Amino acid sequence: MNPETENISRVEVQPIVPQTELPQIAKSRGFAATYGLDPRAAGLMVIVDLMISAMDTASFETLLPLGVAIATILGFVVYRIQRGWYGDEHDSAVTKGLIVGLLTAIPVPIAPLIAIPGGALGIVKALRRR
């Protein structure tokens, strides 16, 4: 052994900022968890949106305020589904619920364009858990 390296001891490096003062870094949850909907929520969204669109068309948009109220309730239901069954955090579930409510309240059946891919991502997430 080299006598010069025998006297070298381990040096401990201390962080300049204590760990308790570092900003919280969001943990990556994956694409399916971030953008996915529970498949039951996606199916419910498609069904309710198609029913509201049919109701609006048949009533010549006179029942539009009722459709907006139903879309608001759907947004809350999707929030609860995302929290309980999909495992989303509060902020993520609120965002998804608001998006679902907004897309459903629009008197054109565009919600399935978001719900079907979102539900497919939810199925991917469910299959990855197994």
C-alpha atoms as a PDB file:
ATOM      1  CA  MET A   1       0.000   0.000   0.000  1.00  0.00           C
ATOM      2  CA  ASN A   2       1.026   3.516  -0.672  1.00  0.00           C
ATOM      3  CA  PRO A   3       1.888   5.414   2.533  1.00  0.00           C
ATOM      4  CA  GLU A   4       0.458   8.631   1.110  1.00  0.00           C
ATOM      5  CA  THR A   5      -3.046   7.177   0.753  1.00  0.00           C
ATOM      6  CA  GLU A   6      -3.096   5.539   4.187  1.00  0.00           C
ATOM      7  CA  ASN A   7      -3.399   8.887   5.974  1.00  0.00           C
ATOM      8  CA  ILE A   8      -6.319  10.114   3.881  1.00  0.00           C
ATOM      9  CA  SER A   9      -9.528   9.885   5.835  1.00  0.00           C
ATOM     10  CA  ARG A  10     -13.102  10.178   4.622  1.00  0.00           C
ATOM     11  CA  VAL A  11     -14.405  13.679   4.263  1.00  0.00           C
ATOM     12  CA  GLU A  12     -18.097  14.196   4.891  1.00  0.00           C
ATOM     13  CA  VAL A  13     -19.794  16.806   2.738  1.00  0.00           C
ATOM     14  CA  GLN A  14     -22.510  18.792   4.462  1.00  0.00           C
ATOM     15  CA  PRO A  15     -25.173  20.549   2.407  1.00  0.00           C
ATOM     16  CA  ILE A  16     -25.098  24.327   2.485  1.00  0.00           C
ATOM     17  CA  VAL A  17     -28.868  24.500   2.961  1.00  0.00           C
ATOM     18  CA  PRO A  18     -30.377  22.134   5.536  1.00  0.00           C
ATOM     19  CA  GLN A  19     -32.764  19.507   4.113  1.00  0.00           C
ATOM     20  CA  THR A  20     -35.739  21.029   5.894  1.00  0.00           C
ATOM     21  CA  GLU A  21     -35.337  24.292   3.963  1.00  0.00           C
ATOM     22  CA  LEU A  22     -35.153  22.789   0.472  1.00  0.00           C
ATOM     23  CA  PRO A  23     -38.240  23.324  -1.706  1.00  0.00           C
ATOM     24  CA  GLN A  24     -40.540  20.366  -2.099  1.00  0.00           C
ATOM     25  CA  ILE A  25     -40.091  18.712  -5.464  1.00  0.00           C
ATOM     26  CA  ALA A  26     -43.168  17.130  -7.026  1.00  0.00           C
ATOM     27  CA  LYS A  27     -42.822  13.413  -7.519  1.00  0.00           C
ATOM     28  CA  SER A  28     -43.308  12.218 -11.085  1.00  0.00           C
ATOM     29  CA  ARG A  29     -46.384  10.005 -11.331  1.00  0.00           C
ATOM     30  CA  GLY A  30     -46.196   8.950 -14.955  1.00  0.00           C
ATOM     31  CA  PHE A  31     -48.158   9.899 -18.054  1.00  0.00           C
ATOM     32  CA  ALA A  32     -51.177   7.662 -17.390  1.00  0.00           C
ATOM     33  CA  ALA A  33     -51.559   8.865 -13.811  1.00  0.00           C
ATOM     34  CA  THR A  34     -51.201  12.507 -14.784  1.00  0.00           C
ATOM     35  CA  TYR A  35     -53.541  12.617 -17.777  1.00  0.00           C
ATOM     36  CA  GLY A  36     -55.734   9.553 -17.286  1.00  0.00           C
ATOM     37  CA  LEU A  37     -59.327   9.281 -16.152  1.00  0.00           C
ATOM     38  CA  ASP A  38     -60.808   6.373 -14.310  1.00  0.00           C
ATOM     39  CA  PRO A  39     -62.553   4.303 -17.021  1.00  0.00           C
ATOM     40  CA  ARG A  40     -65.838   4.519 -15.096  1.00  0.00           C
ATOM     41  CA  ALA A  41     -65.553   8.318 -15.015  1.00  0.00           C
ATOM     42  CA  ALA A  42     -64.755   8.406 -18.737  1.00  0.00           C
ATOM     43  CA  GLY A  43     -67.770   6.227 -19.558  1.00  0.00           C
ATOM     44  CA  LEU A  44     -70.034   8.331 -17.375  1.00  0.00           C
ATOM     45  CA  MET A  45     -68.726  11.474 -19.041  1.00  0.00           C
ATOM     46  CA  VAL A  46     -69.485  10.145 -22.524  1.00  0.00           C
ATOM     47  CA  ILE A  47     -73.003   9.012 -21.570  1.00  0.00           C
ATOM     48  CA  VAL A  48     -73.921  12.245 -19.764  1.00  0.00           C
ATOM     49  CA  ASP A  49     -72.467  14.420 -22.526  1.00  0.00           C
ATOM     50  CA  LEU A  50     -74.399  12.602 -25.226  1.00  0.00           C
ATOM     51  CA  MET A  51     -77.617  12.855 -23.187  1.00  0.00           C
ATOM     52  CA  ILE A  52     -77.115  16.579 -22.554  1.00  0.00           C
ATOM     53  CA  SER A  53     -76.333  17.197 -26.227  1.00  0.00           C
ATOM     54  CA  ALA A  54     -79.469  15.305 -27.287  1.00  0.00           C
ATOM     55  CA  MET A  55     -81.538  17.240 -24.725  1.00  0.00           C
ATOM     56  CA  ASP A  56     -80.143  20.566 -25.950  1.00  0.00           C
ATOM     57  CA  THR A  57     -80.780  19.679 -29.579  1.00  0.00           C
ATOM     58  CA  ALA A  58     -84.344  18.497 -28.942  1.00  0.00           C
ATOM     59  CA  SER A  59     -85.193  21.612 -26.900  1.00  0.00           C
ATOM     60  CA  PHE A  60     -83.508  24.074 -29.293  1.00  0.00           C
ATOM     61  CA  GLU A  61     -81.077  25.081 -26.526  1.00  0.00           C
ATOM     62  CA  THR A  62     -83.832  26.209 -24.137  1.00  0.00           C
ATOM     63  CA  LEU A  63     -82.683  23.664 -21.547  1.00  0.00           C
ATOM     64  CA  LEU A  64     -79.057  24.832 -21.721  1.00  0.00           C
ATOM     65  CA  PRO A  65     -79.039  26.042 -18.059  1.00  0.00           C
ATOM     66  CA  LEU A  66     -80.157  22.555 -16.979  1.00  0.00           C
ATOM     67  CA  GLY A  67     -77.298  21.069 -19.010  1.00  0.00           C
ATOM     68  CA  VAL A  68     -74.812  23.385 -17.281  1.00  0.00           C
ATOM     69  CA  ALA A  69     -76.160  22.318 -13.865  1.00  0.00           C
ATOM     70  CA  ILE A  70     -75.853  18.647 -14.802  1.00  0.00           C
ATOM     71  CA  ALA A  71     -72.301  19.231 -16.078  1.00  0.00           C
ATOM     72  CA  THR A  72     -71.392  20.863 -12.753  1.00  0.00           C
ATOM     73  CA  ILE A  73     -72.695  17.837 -10.856  1.00  0.00           C
ATOM     74  CA  LEU A  74     -70.788  15.543 -13.239  1.00  0.00           C
ATOM     75  CA  GLY A  75     -67.590  17.485 -12.545  1.00  0.00           C
ATOM     76  CA  PHE A  76     -68.023  16.894  -8.808  1.00  0.00           C
ATOM     77  CA  VAL A  77     -68.796  13.195  -9.347  1.00  0.00           C
ATOM     78  CA  VAL A  78     -65.673  12.813 -11.501  1.00  0.00           C
ATOM     79  CA  TYR A  79     -63.649  14.566  -8.775  1.00  0.00           C
ATOM     80  CA  ARG A  80     -64.883  12.004  -6.218  1.00  0.00           C
ATOM     81  CA  ILE A  81     -64.220   9.091  -8.587  1.00  0.00           C
ATOM     82  CA  GLN A  82     -60.691  10.314  -9.308  1.00  0.00           C
ATOM     83  CA  ARG A  83     -59.951  10.723  -5.593  1.00  0.00           C
ATOM     84  CA  GLY A  84     -61.503   7.457  -4.442  1.00  0.00           C
ATOM     85  CA  TRP A  85     -60.957   4.956  -7.220  1.00  0.00           C
ATOM     86  CA  TYR A  86     -58.140   6.379  -9.337  1.00  0.00           C
ATOM     87  CA  GLY A  87     -55.962   7.591  -6.459  1.00  0.00           C
ATOM     88  CA  ASP A  88     -55.441  11.164  -7.645  1.00  0.00           C
ATOM     89  CA  GLU A  89     -54.310  13.866  -5.259  1.00  0.00           C
ATOM     90  CA  HIS A  90     -56.730  16.709  -4.487  1.00  0.00           C
ATOM     91  CA  ASP A  91     -55.337  19.229  -6.985  1.00  0.00           C
ATOM     92  CA  SER A  92     -55.167  16.743  -9.843  1.00  0.00           C
ATOM     93  CA  ALA A  93     -58.686  15.454  -9.193  1.00  0.00           C
ATOM     94  CA  VAL A  94     -60.093  19.004  -8.983  1.00  0.00           C
ATOM     95  CA  THR A  95     -58.437  19.921 -12.278  1.00  0.00           C
ATOM     96  CA  LYS A  96     -59.791  16.838 -14.013  1.00  0.00           C
ATOM     97  CA  GLY A  97     -63.269  17.415 -12.541  1.00  0.00           C
ATOM     98  CA  LEU A  98     -63.288  21.027 -13.744  1.00  0.00           C
ATOM     99  CA  ILE A  99     -62.167  20.016 -17.231  1.00  0.00           C
ATOM    100  CA  VAL A 100     -64.862  17.331 -17.409  1.00  0.00           C
ATOM    101  CA  GLY A 101     -67.535  19.765 -16.218  1.00  0.00           C
ATOM    102  CA  LEU A 102     -66.447  22.438 -18.692  1.00  0.00           C
ATOM    103  CA  LEU A 103     -66.302  20.096 -21.680  1.00  0.00           C
ATOM    104  CA  THR A 104     -69.662  18.587 -20.790  1.00  0.00           C
ATOM    105  CA  ALA A 105     -71.327  21.998 -20.412  1.00  0.00           C
ATOM    106  CA  ILE A 106     -70.382  22.983 -23.972  1.00  0.00           C
ATOM    107  CA  PRO A 107     -73.495  22.276 -26.081  1.00  0.00           C
ATOM    108  CA  VAL A 108     -71.531  20.242 -28.631  1.00  0.00           C
ATOM    109  CA  PRO A 109     -70.665  16.565 -28.015  1.00  0.00           C
ATOM    110  CA  ILE A 110     -66.870  17.032 -27.853  1.00  0.00           C
ATOM    111  CA  ALA A 111     -66.358  15.467 -24.419  1.00  0.00           C
ATOM    112  CA  PRO A 112     -65.893  11.945 -25.851  1.00  0.00           C
ATOM    113  CA  LEU A 113     -62.822  13.216 -27.697  1.00  0.00           C
ATOM    114  CA  ILE A 114     -61.182  13.726 -24.298  1.00  0.00           C
ATOM    115  CA  ALA A 115     -62.935  11.021 -22.276  1.00  0.00           C
ATOM    116  CA  ILE A 116     -62.104   8.067 -24.510  1.00  0.00           C
ATOM    117  CA  PRO A 117     -58.308   8.632 -24.613  1.00  0.00           C
ATOM    118  CA  GLY A 118     -58.358   9.542 -20.906  1.00  0.00           C
ATOM    119  CA  GLY A 119     -60.212   6.331 -20.087  1.00  0.00           C
ATOM    120  CA  ALA A 120     -57.746   4.348 -22.186  1.00  0.00           C
ATOM    121  CA  LEU A 121     -54.905   5.832 -20.132  1.00  0.00           C
ATOM    122  CA  GLY A 122     -56.827   4.843 -17.004  1.00  0.00           C
ATOM    123  CA  ILE A 123     -57.004   1.264 -18.239  1.00  0.00           C
ATOM    124  CA  VAL A 124     -53.243   1.329 -18.911  1.00  0.00           C
ATOM    125  CA  LYS A 125     -52.634   2.535 -15.359  1.00  0.00           C
ATOM    126  CA  ALA A 126     -54.890  -0.188 -13.939  1.00  0.00           C
ATOM    127  CA  LEU A 127     -53.097  -2.884 -15.935  1.00  0.00           C
ATOM    128  CA  ARG A 128     -49.679  -1.627 -14.812  1.00  0.00           C
ATOM    129  CA  ARG A 129     -50.709  -1.949 -11.154  1.00  0.00           C
ATOM    130  CA  ARG A 130     -51.323  -5.677 -11.531  1.00  0.00           C
END
